[in-house]
Amino acid sequence: MRERLFSLISKYGLKTSHELGQNFLVVPDVVERNVERAELSERDVVLEVGPGLGVLTDALSRVAGKVYAVEKDPRLVRILRGEYGWPNVEIIEGDALKVEFPGFNKVVSNLPYQISSPITFRFLKHGFERAVLMYQLEFAERIVAKPGDKNYSRLSLMVQAKATAEIVERIGRGAFWPRPKVDSAVVLMEPKNRADTVELNEDLVRALFQHRRSTVLAALKKSYHMLGMKREEFRRIRPALATLPHAKKRVFHLSPEEVLEIEDALRDMGVIKSPQGSP
């Protein structure tokens, strides 16, 4: 695998793009383990974001029924289309944050680290059965952090409102070329059952976690404008904020269910509007 990768780099005189976060995985054991973690069969349609030079794509193509690989760099798109003859792989050229995703049920990706947050939120909105995702270690630790942990953040809350996530392997810097400045980690993510999913108002979550170490009451006083409130409206409902559930709790201690309780109370006050079509 390593020889194949460096052969392609040499053949095309390829220089990696720091701007696009290009660090190619060169350890075959890691690739094999990630494919195994995805539990693929011919019934599965896999989405891969950032296929690079096709190392993971090639492994996926052998076990999945269909693979969609989304690549932004036109140089890599040309190499992938010219060097491989996969009958079940479709290369989609474009920005993974903007292109329309085809139907898929699993995600396996060594993600470009600079889009880790927005692409994760996009996956969660799209829906999938299982995802095996490579992240920067620090980012992965934020995803799996629990309420009260030092790494617990808006990201932790929003992911865990919809999915279970665990770090299944830590990957050293030497597993990539060029060698990155940070370690990496593999996260296994699976959506929760619909009954266990917590749908949260994203504006409220942002308003709270803008001041994650403040109490709920203090955070809302500082960020009421993020909920679309004018100063006069805020002054009107300010006395009632002290009665909110978990008003004195630090924001970074809140579980998704507790944020939902706060949201429901604010909706009863008329601060948050019900989604269109809801009672």
Foldseek 3Di string as FASTA:
>chain_A
DLVVVVVLCVVLVDDDDVVQQDWAFRDVVVLVVLLVLQVAAQVFEEEEEACQQPPSVVVNLVGYVAYEYEAADVVSVCNNVPPDDRPRYDYHHDDLLDDDDDDGAEYEYAHRAVCVQSNLVVDLVVHHAKYKYKYFPLVLCQCQDAQPDPSPALNVQQQVLFKHKDFPDKAAQVSIPPRDPTTMTIMMIGTDDPVSHFDADVLLRCQQRVQQQAFQLVSCVVRVVSLVDDPVRCVVCNVVCVVQVRRRPGNSNDHSVSNVSNVVVCVVVVSHPDPPPDD
